[in-house]
Amino acid sequence: PTYEEMNELRTECTWTWTTQNSVNGYKVTGPNGNSIFLPAAGYRNGSDLYSVGSSGYYWLRSLNQSYPSSAYYLYFYSEFYGTRSDSYRSYGHPVRAVMQ
């Protein structure tokens, strides 16, 4: 998703920390009742994997125009979710496909 689309998810949807099939993450429910599950998949730096089960990091389509080596991403843990623009694009964050 773009930064604008993710901002809409953040402000217009209900975010509930939950466990589905033994996987922690957020169930994000829209005003129309549809929902998606974002697993707390952690992130990868080189061959090392961090924070699996306790936090999630998902790339957004929008790049940080001021710093081309960085991009916007969604991040969350059980008490908080938000977006940032300072993650190096070399980090291994999952990609959540969006269908229109």
Protein backbone atom coordinates (compact mmCIF):
# COMPACT_ATOMS: atom_id res chain seq x y z
CA PRO A 1 0.00 0.00 0.00
CA THR A 2 0.98 3.64 -0.36
CA TYR A 3 1.60 5.83 2.68
CA GLU A 4 -1.84 7.39 2.18
CA GLU A 5 -3.55 3.99 1.99
CA MET A 6 -1.80 2.83 5.16
CA ASN A 7 -2.72 6.05 6.93
CA GLU A 8 -6.35 5.33 6.05
CA LEU A 9 -6.01 1.84 7.55
CA ARG A 10 -4.49 3.36 10.69
CA THR A 11 -7.21 5.98 11.17
CA GLU A 12 -10.37 4.38 9.76
CA CYS A 13 -9.99 0.76 10.91
CA THR A 14 -10.08 -1.08 14.22
CA TRP A 15 -6.79 -2.74 15.20
CA THR A 16 -6.99 -5.72 17.55
CA TRP A 17 -3.91 -7.61 18.80
CA THR A 18 -4.79 -11.30 18.57
CA THR A 19 -3.49 -14.79 17.91
CA GLN A 20 -4.63 -16.77 14.86
CA ASN A 21 -3.41 -20.33 14.25
CA SER A 22 -0.76 -19.85 17.00
CA VAL A 23 0.57 -16.67 15.31
CA ASN A 24 0.49 -13.26 17.05
CA GLY A 25 -0.45 -10.18 15.06
CA TYR A 26 -3.09 -7.57 14.37
CA LYS A 27 -6.53 -8.15 12.95
CA VAL A 28 -7.40 -4.93 11.10
CA THR A 29 -11.14 -4.49 10.54
CA GLY A 30 -12.56 -1.86 8.22
CA PRO A 31 -15.81 0.07 8.55
CA ASN A 32 -17.43 -2.38 6.11
CA GLY A 33 -16.58 -5.37 8.36
CA ASN A 34 -13.86 -6.80 6.11
CA SER A 35 -10.60 -7.62 7.83
CA ILE A 36 -7.01 -8.67 7.22
CA PHE A 37 -4.52 -10.32 9.57
CA LEU A 38 -0.99 -8.94 9.77
CA PRO A 39 1.30 -11.48 11.45
CA ALA A 40 3.99 -10.28 13.85
CA ALA A 41 6.61 -11.58 11.42
CA GLY A 42 9.54 -9.54 12.79
CA TYR A 43 12.26 -8.42 10.38
CA ARG A 44 15.46 -9.67 8.84
CA ASN A 45 18.88 -8.02 8.76
CA GLY A 46 21.22 -10.13 6.68
CA SER A 47 20.67 -13.72 7.75
CA ASP A 48 19.46 -12.78 11.24
CA LEU A 49 15.74 -12.74 12.09
CA TYR A 50 14.46 -10.50 14.91
CA SER A 51 11.26 -9.99 16.92
CA VAL A 52 9.18 -12.82 15.40
CA GLY A 53 5.92 -13.13 17.32
CA SER A 54 6.28 -9.81 19.13
CA SER A 55 6.41 -7.17 16.37
CA GLY A 56 5.74 -6.64 12.70
CA TYR A 57 7.33 -4.50 10.00
CA TYR A 58 5.74 -4.19 6.55
CA TRP A 59 7.03 -2.21 3.60
CA LEU A 60 4.85 0.47 2.10
CA ARG A 61 5.05 1.36 -1.56
CA SER A 62 6.14 4.94 -0.79
CA LEU A 63 9.85 5.78 -0.72
CA ASN A 64 11.41 8.43 1.46
CA GLN A 65 12.15 11.08 -1.18
CA SER A 66 14.68 12.85 1.07
CA TYR A 67 16.70 9.67 1.67
CA PRO A 68 16.48 7.27 -1.31
CA SER A 69 18.13 4.46 0.66
CA SER A 70 15.15 4.49 3.07
CA ALA A 71 11.46 3.74 2.66
CA TYR A 72 8.21 4.04 4.60
CA TYR A 73 7.02 1.06 6.57
CA LEU A 74 4.32 0.03 8.99
CA TYR A 75 5.57 -1.20 12.33
CA PHE A 76 3.71 -2.57 15.32
CA TYR A 77 3.86 -4.46 18.56
CA SER A 78 1.05 -5.43 20.89
CA GLU A 79 0.50 -1.94 22.35
CA PHE A 80 1.23 0.29 19.37
CA TYR A 81 1.13 0.60 15.56
CA GLY A 82 2.40 3.38 13.31
CA THR A 83 4.43 4.27 10.23
CA ARG A 84 7.97 5.52 9.83
CA SER A 85 10.22 6.53 6.95
CA ASP A 86 13.69 5.65 8.18
CA SER A 87 14.20 1.96 7.48
CA TYR A 88 17.00 1.02 5.14
CA ARG A 89 15.65 -0.70 2.07
CA SER A 90 18.20 -3.48 2.56
CA TYR A 91 16.32 -4.73 5.65
CA GLY A 92 14.07 -7.71 5.15
CA HIS A 93 10.55 -6.54 5.89
CA PRO A 94 7.61 -8.54 4.57
CA VAL A 95 5.40 -7.18 1.81
CA ARG A 96 1.61 -7.30 2.22
CA ALA A 97 -0.06 -7.45 -1.17
CA VAL A 98 -3.07 -5.17 -1.67
CA MET A 99 -5.78 -5.89 -4.21
CA GLN A 100 -8.12 -3.19 -5.42
